[in-house]
Amino acid sequence: MSQFKYQMVIQWSDEDNCFLVGLPDFPGQRWRTHGDTYESALANGIEAIESLLLAYEATGEPLPEPAVLKAA
């Protein structure tokens, strides 16, 4: 379940006419995937995180540290 510690930003784009999904904890692209609905964007974002975790594991690259909010 560690994949759910990673941030996911879902934002509507008028230009693209869809919800864009960003994964700020992973370097590279600003927007990683998208969806026509918020729900599909969320599902695609989870799938993208799972794919990234598999890719990092396959290459032996260390996973980026997730930014975790610590409440006072």
C-alpha atoms as a PDB file:
ATOM      1  CA  MET A   1       0.000   0.000   0.000  1.00  0.00           C
ATOM      2  CA  SER A   2       3.033   2.335  -0.004  1.00  0.00           C
ATOM      3  CA  GLN A   3       2.058   3.565  -3.476  1.00  0.00           C
ATOM      4  CA  PHE A   4      -0.826   5.478  -1.875  1.00  0.00           C
ATOM      5  CA  LYS A   5       1.620   7.703   0.016  1.00  0.00           C
ATOM      6  CA  TYR A   6       2.592   9.426  -3.223  1.00  0.00           C
ATOM      7  CA  GLN A   7       0.941  12.724  -4.127  1.00  0.00           C
ATOM      8  CA  MET A   8      -1.484  12.903  -7.003  1.00  0.00           C
ATOM      9  CA  VAL A   9      -2.694  16.232  -8.394  1.00  0.00           C
ATOM     10  CA  ILE A  10      -5.879  16.126 -10.467  1.00  0.00           C
ATOM     11  CA  GLN A  11      -6.776  19.345 -12.247  1.00  0.00           C
ATOM     12  CA  TRP A  12      -9.269  20.247 -14.964  1.00  0.00           C
ATOM     13  CA  SER A  13      -7.750  21.578 -18.203  1.00  0.00           C
ATOM     14  CA  ASP A  14      -9.989  23.689 -20.469  1.00  0.00           C
ATOM     15  CA  GLU A  15      -7.300  23.490 -23.144  1.00  0.00           C
ATOM     16  CA  ASP A  16      -7.277  19.673 -23.129  1.00  0.00           C
ATOM     17  CA  ASN A  17     -10.954  19.297 -22.161  1.00  0.00           C
ATOM     18  CA  CYS A  18     -10.118  16.645 -19.559  1.00  0.00           C
ATOM     19  CA  PHE A  19      -8.693  16.139 -16.082  1.00  0.00           C
ATOM     20  CA  LEU A  20      -4.888  16.040 -16.014  1.00  0.00           C
ATOM     21  CA  VAL A  21      -3.047  13.953 -13.426  1.00  0.00           C
ATOM     22  CA  GLY A  22       0.322  14.994 -12.070  1.00  0.00           C
ATOM     23  CA  LEU A  23       2.585  12.954  -9.818  1.00  0.00           C
ATOM     24  CA  PRO A  24       4.847  15.566  -8.192  1.00  0.00           C
ATOM     25  CA  ASP A  25       6.919  13.060  -6.221  1.00  0.00           C
ATOM     26  CA  PHE A  26       8.149  11.458  -9.449  1.00  0.00           C
ATOM     27  CA  PRO A  27      10.607  13.520 -11.524  1.00  0.00           C
ATOM     28  CA  GLY A  28      10.005  13.992 -15.220  1.00  0.00           C
ATOM     29  CA  GLN A  29       6.758  15.036 -16.772  1.00  0.00           C
ATOM     30  CA  ARG A  30       4.525  17.662 -15.203  1.00  0.00           C
ATOM     31  CA  TRP A  31       1.385  15.747 -16.223  1.00  0.00           C
ATOM     32  CA  ARG A  32       1.620  11.953 -16.271  1.00  0.00           C
ATOM     33  CA  THR A  33      -1.878  10.888 -17.415  1.00  0.00           C
ATOM     34  CA  HIS A  34      -5.444  12.144 -17.792  1.00  0.00           C
ATOM     35  CA  GLY A  35      -9.122  11.179 -17.747  1.00  0.00           C
ATOM     36  CA  ASP A  36     -12.417  12.416 -19.149  1.00  0.00           C
ATOM     37  CA  THR A  37     -13.968  12.244 -15.666  1.00  0.00           C
ATOM     38  CA  TYR A  38     -12.464  12.816 -12.247  1.00  0.00           C
ATOM     39  CA  GLU A  39     -12.992   9.139 -11.443  1.00  0.00           C
ATOM     40  CA  SER A  40     -11.214   7.943 -14.585  1.00  0.00           C
ATOM     41  CA  ALA A  41      -8.362  10.390 -13.935  1.00  0.00           C
ATOM     42  CA  LEU A  42      -8.007   8.975 -10.425  1.00  0.00           C
ATOM     43  CA  ALA A  43      -8.004   5.383 -11.716  1.00  0.00           C
ATOM     44  CA  ASN A  44      -5.437   6.294 -14.390  1.00  0.00           C
ATOM     45  CA  GLY A  45      -3.301   8.051 -11.774  1.00  0.00           C
ATOM     46  CA  ILE A  46      -3.274   4.957  -9.554  1.00  0.00           C
ATOM     47  CA  GLU A  47      -2.366   2.833 -12.568  1.00  0.00           C
ATOM     48  CA  ALA A  48       0.453   5.258 -13.441  1.00  0.00           C
ATOM     49  CA  ILE A  49       1.865   5.042  -9.912  1.00  0.00           C
ATOM     50  CA  GLU A  50       1.722   1.242 -10.009  1.00  0.00           C
ATOM     51  CA  SER A  51       3.513   1.247 -13.393  1.00  0.00           C
ATOM     52  CA  LEU A  52       6.171   3.627 -12.116  1.00  0.00           C
ATOM     53  CA  LEU A  53       6.792   1.431  -9.069  1.00  0.00           C
ATOM     54  CA  LEU A  54       7.241  -1.604 -11.321  1.00  0.00           C
ATOM     55  CA  ALA A  55       9.600   0.339 -13.611  1.00  0.00           C
ATOM     56  CA  TYR A  56      11.723   1.533 -10.677  1.00  0.00           C
ATOM     57  CA  GLU A  57      11.844  -2.021  -9.324  1.00  0.00           C
ATOM     58  CA  ALA A  58      12.826  -3.453 -12.728  1.00  0.00           C
ATOM     59  CA  THR A  59      15.709  -1.003 -13.139  1.00  0.00           C
ATOM     60  CA  GLY A  60      16.841  -1.190  -9.521  1.00  0.00           C
ATOM     61  CA  GLU A  61      16.465   2.559  -9.212  1.00  0.00           C
ATOM     62  CA  PRO A  62      15.596   3.766  -5.691  1.00  0.00           C
ATOM     63  CA  LEU A  63      12.053   5.053  -5.297  1.00  0.00           C
ATOM     64  CA  PRO A  64      11.622   8.762  -4.704  1.00  0.00           C
ATOM     65  CA  GLU A  65      10.642   9.691  -1.172  1.00  0.00           C
ATOM     66  CA  PRO A  66       6.966  10.618  -0.978  1.00  0.00           C
ATOM     67  CA  ALA A  67       6.232  14.072   0.404  1.00  0.00           C
ATOM     68  CA  VAL A  68       4.204  13.298   3.530  1.00  0.00           C
ATOM     69  CA  LEU A  69       2.347  15.970   5.468  1.00  0.00           C
ATOM     70  CA  LYS A  70       2.927  15.783   9.180  1.00  0.00           C
ATOM     71  CA  ALA A  71       0.115  17.360  11.169  1.00  0.00           C
ATOM     72  CA  ALA A  72       1.042  19.085  14.397  1.00  0.00           C
END
